[in-house]
N, C-alpha and C. Protein backbone atom coordinates (compact mmCIF):
# COMPACT_ATOMS: atom_id res chain seq x y z
N MET A 1 3.29 67.22 121.85
CA MET A 1 2.34 67.84 120.96
C MET A 1 1.13 66.93 120.83
N ARG A 2 -0.03 67.52 120.86
CA ARG A 2 -1.27 66.77 120.70
C ARG A 2 -1.83 67.05 119.31
N VAL A 3 -2.09 65.98 118.56
CA VAL A 3 -2.56 66.12 117.19
C VAL A 3 -3.91 65.44 117.05
N VAL A 4 -4.84 66.11 116.37
CA VAL A 4 -6.13 65.53 116.03
C VAL A 4 -6.20 65.44 114.51
N ALA A 5 -6.31 64.23 113.99
CA ALA A 5 -6.42 64.03 112.54
C ALA A 5 -7.89 64.24 112.15
N GLU A 6 -8.11 65.07 111.18
CA GLU A 6 -9.47 65.34 110.71
C GLU A 6 -9.66 64.75 109.33
N GLY A 7 -10.89 64.37 109.03
CA GLY A 7 -11.21 63.87 107.70
C GLY A 7 -10.84 62.42 107.47
N VAL A 8 -10.79 61.61 108.53
CA VAL A 8 -10.45 60.19 108.40
C VAL A 8 -11.68 59.47 107.82
N GLU A 9 -11.51 58.91 106.63
CA GLU A 9 -12.65 58.30 105.94
C GLU A 9 -12.50 56.81 105.66
N THR A 10 -11.31 56.23 105.86
CA THR A 10 -11.12 54.82 105.56
C THR A 10 -10.35 54.12 106.67
N ALA A 11 -10.48 52.80 106.70
CA ALA A 11 -9.73 51.99 107.67
C ALA A 11 -8.23 52.14 107.43
N GLU A 12 -7.84 52.27 106.18
CA GLU A 12 -6.41 52.41 105.86
C GLU A 12 -5.86 53.70 106.44
N GLN A 13 -6.60 54.78 106.32
CA GLN A 13 -6.15 56.06 106.90
C GLN A 13 -6.04 55.94 108.42
N TYR A 14 -7.05 55.33 109.02
CA TYR A 14 -7.05 55.18 110.48
C TYR A 14 -5.87 54.33 110.93
N SER A 15 -5.60 53.24 110.22
CA SER A 15 -4.49 52.37 110.55
C SER A 15 -3.16 53.11 110.46
N LEU A 16 -2.98 53.89 109.42
CA LEU A 16 -1.74 54.66 109.27
C LEU A 16 -1.56 55.64 110.43
N LEU A 17 -2.64 56.29 110.81
CA LEU A 17 -2.57 57.23 111.94
C LEU A 17 -2.18 56.51 113.22
N GLN A 18 -2.70 55.31 113.43
CA GLN A 18 -2.33 54.53 114.61
C GLN A 18 -0.84 54.17 114.58
N GLN A 19 -0.33 53.83 113.40
CA GLN A 19 1.10 53.51 113.27
C GLN A 19 1.97 54.70 113.67
N TYR A 20 1.49 55.90 113.35
CA TYR A 20 2.23 57.11 113.71
C TYR A 20 1.87 57.63 115.10
N ARG A 21 1.11 56.84 115.84
CA ARG A 21 0.71 57.13 117.21
C ARG A 21 -0.11 58.41 117.35
N CYS A 22 -0.91 58.68 116.34
CA CYS A 22 -1.87 59.78 116.45
C CYS A 22 -2.97 59.32 117.39
N GLU A 23 -3.18 60.04 118.47
CA GLU A 23 -4.09 59.58 119.52
C GLU A 23 -5.55 59.99 119.31
N GLU A 24 -5.80 60.94 118.44
CA GLU A 24 -7.18 61.38 118.24
C GLU A 24 -7.46 61.59 116.77
N ALA A 25 -8.68 61.22 116.37
CA ALA A 25 -9.07 61.38 114.98
C ALA A 25 -10.57 61.63 114.91
N GLN A 26 -10.97 62.24 113.83
CA GLN A 26 -12.39 62.41 113.57
C GLN A 26 -12.61 62.29 112.07
N GLY A 27 -13.80 61.90 111.72
CA GLY A 27 -14.13 61.76 110.31
C GLY A 27 -15.22 60.73 110.11
N PHE A 28 -15.67 60.58 108.87
CA PHE A 28 -16.77 59.68 108.56
C PHE A 28 -16.46 58.22 108.88
N TYR A 29 -15.18 57.83 108.89
CA TYR A 29 -14.84 56.45 109.26
C TYR A 29 -15.27 56.16 110.70
N ILE A 30 -15.14 57.13 111.54
CA ILE A 30 -15.47 56.96 112.95
C ILE A 30 -16.97 57.17 113.17
N SER A 31 -17.52 58.22 112.60
CA SER A 31 -18.95 58.48 112.70
C SER A 31 -19.32 59.65 111.82
N HIS A 32 -20.51 59.58 111.27
CA HIS A 32 -21.07 60.74 110.57
C HIS A 32 -21.54 61.74 111.64
N PRO A 33 -21.76 62.98 111.28
CA PRO A 33 -22.24 63.96 112.26
C PRO A 33 -23.53 63.45 112.94
N LEU A 34 -23.61 63.65 114.25
CA LEU A 34 -24.75 63.16 115.02
C LEU A 34 -25.34 64.28 115.87
N PRO A 35 -26.66 64.25 116.08
CA PRO A 35 -27.24 65.17 117.07
C PRO A 35 -26.75 64.77 118.47
N ALA A 36 -26.82 65.67 119.41
CA ALA A 36 -26.27 65.46 120.75
C ALA A 36 -26.76 64.17 121.40
N GLU A 37 -28.05 63.89 121.33
CA GLU A 37 -28.59 62.68 121.98
C GLU A 37 -28.03 61.41 121.34
N ALA A 38 -27.91 61.39 120.02
CA ALA A 38 -27.36 60.22 119.34
C ALA A 38 -25.87 60.07 119.66
N LEU A 39 -25.17 61.17 119.80
CA LEU A 39 -23.76 61.12 120.16
C LEU A 39 -23.58 60.51 121.55
N ALA A 40 -24.43 60.90 122.49
CA ALA A 40 -24.36 60.35 123.84
C ALA A 40 -24.58 58.84 123.80
N GLU A 41 -25.52 58.37 123.01
CA GLU A 41 -25.76 56.93 122.88
C GLU A 41 -24.57 56.24 122.23
N TRP A 42 -23.96 56.86 121.22
CA TRP A 42 -22.78 56.32 120.53
C TRP A 42 -21.67 56.08 121.55
N TRP A 43 -21.43 57.07 122.42
CA TRP A 43 -20.38 56.92 123.44
C TRP A 43 -20.75 55.86 124.47
N ARG A 44 -22.00 55.81 124.89
CA ARG A 44 -22.43 54.80 125.87
C ARG A 44 -22.15 53.39 125.34
N GLU A 45 -22.47 53.15 124.07
CA GLU A 45 -22.24 51.83 123.48
C GLU A 45 -20.76 51.48 123.47
N ARG A 46 -19.91 52.42 123.13
CA ARG A 46 -18.48 52.15 123.07
C ARG A 46 -17.88 51.95 124.46
N LEU A 47 -18.33 52.71 125.43
CA LEU A 47 -17.83 52.54 126.79
C LEU A 47 -18.27 51.20 127.36
N GLU A 48 -19.50 50.80 127.06
CA GLU A 48 -20.00 49.50 127.51
C GLU A 48 -19.16 48.39 126.88
N PHE A 49 -18.90 48.50 125.58
CA PHE A 49 -18.10 47.50 124.88
C PHE A 49 -16.69 47.43 125.45
N ALA A 50 -16.09 48.59 125.74
CA ALA A 50 -14.74 48.63 126.30
C ALA A 50 -14.71 47.94 127.66
N SER A 51 -15.73 48.14 128.49
CA SER A 51 -15.73 47.48 129.79
C SER A 51 -15.95 45.98 129.66
N LEU A 52 -16.70 45.55 128.63
CA LEU A 52 -16.85 44.11 128.40
C LEU A 52 -15.52 43.49 127.98
N ILE A 53 -14.76 44.20 127.16
CA ILE A 53 -13.45 43.70 126.74
C ILE A 53 -12.53 43.55 127.95
N LYS A 54 -12.52 44.56 128.81
CA LYS A 54 -11.68 44.49 130.01
C LYS A 54 -12.09 43.30 130.88
N ALA A 55 -13.38 43.00 130.91
CA ALA A 55 -13.87 41.89 131.73
C ALA A 55 -13.70 40.57 130.99
N GLY A 56 -13.30 40.60 129.72
CA GLY A 56 -13.10 39.38 128.95
C GLY A 56 -14.39 38.77 128.45
N ALA A 57 -15.48 39.56 128.41
CA ALA A 57 -16.78 39.02 128.03
C ALA A 57 -17.25 39.48 126.66
N ALA A 58 -16.37 40.04 125.84
CA ALA A 58 -16.81 40.59 124.58
C ALA A 58 -16.40 39.77 123.37
N ALA A 59 -15.95 38.57 123.54
CA ALA A 59 -15.46 37.78 122.41
C ALA A 59 -16.52 37.59 121.34
N ASP A 60 -17.77 37.43 121.74
CA ASP A 60 -18.83 37.22 120.76
C ASP A 60 -19.34 38.53 120.14
N ARG A 61 -18.88 39.67 120.65
CA ARG A 61 -19.33 40.97 120.14
C ARG A 61 -18.23 41.72 119.40
N LEU A 62 -17.13 41.05 119.05
CA LEU A 62 -16.01 41.74 118.43
C LEU A 62 -16.38 42.22 117.04
N SER A 63 -16.72 43.46 116.94
CA SER A 63 -16.99 44.11 115.67
C SER A 63 -16.88 45.61 115.91
N LEU A 64 -16.78 46.34 114.83
CA LEU A 64 -16.76 47.80 114.97
C LEU A 64 -18.17 48.23 115.30
N VAL A 65 -18.37 48.73 116.50
CA VAL A 65 -19.70 49.10 116.97
C VAL A 65 -20.09 50.44 116.39
């Protein structure tokens, strides 16, 4: 079963969902509503950060982007 948690507004809620292995979530904790162009930039930043982590080069950038 695939579950998407909606209305996630706090780190505590997000953490609980991770403990229950909920793989997808949406809500203000993750991002406020964005226009399409801003959403594309939001994803670009996260994908760039993820590739830096894989390369081991993100130690100085560890923060919620």
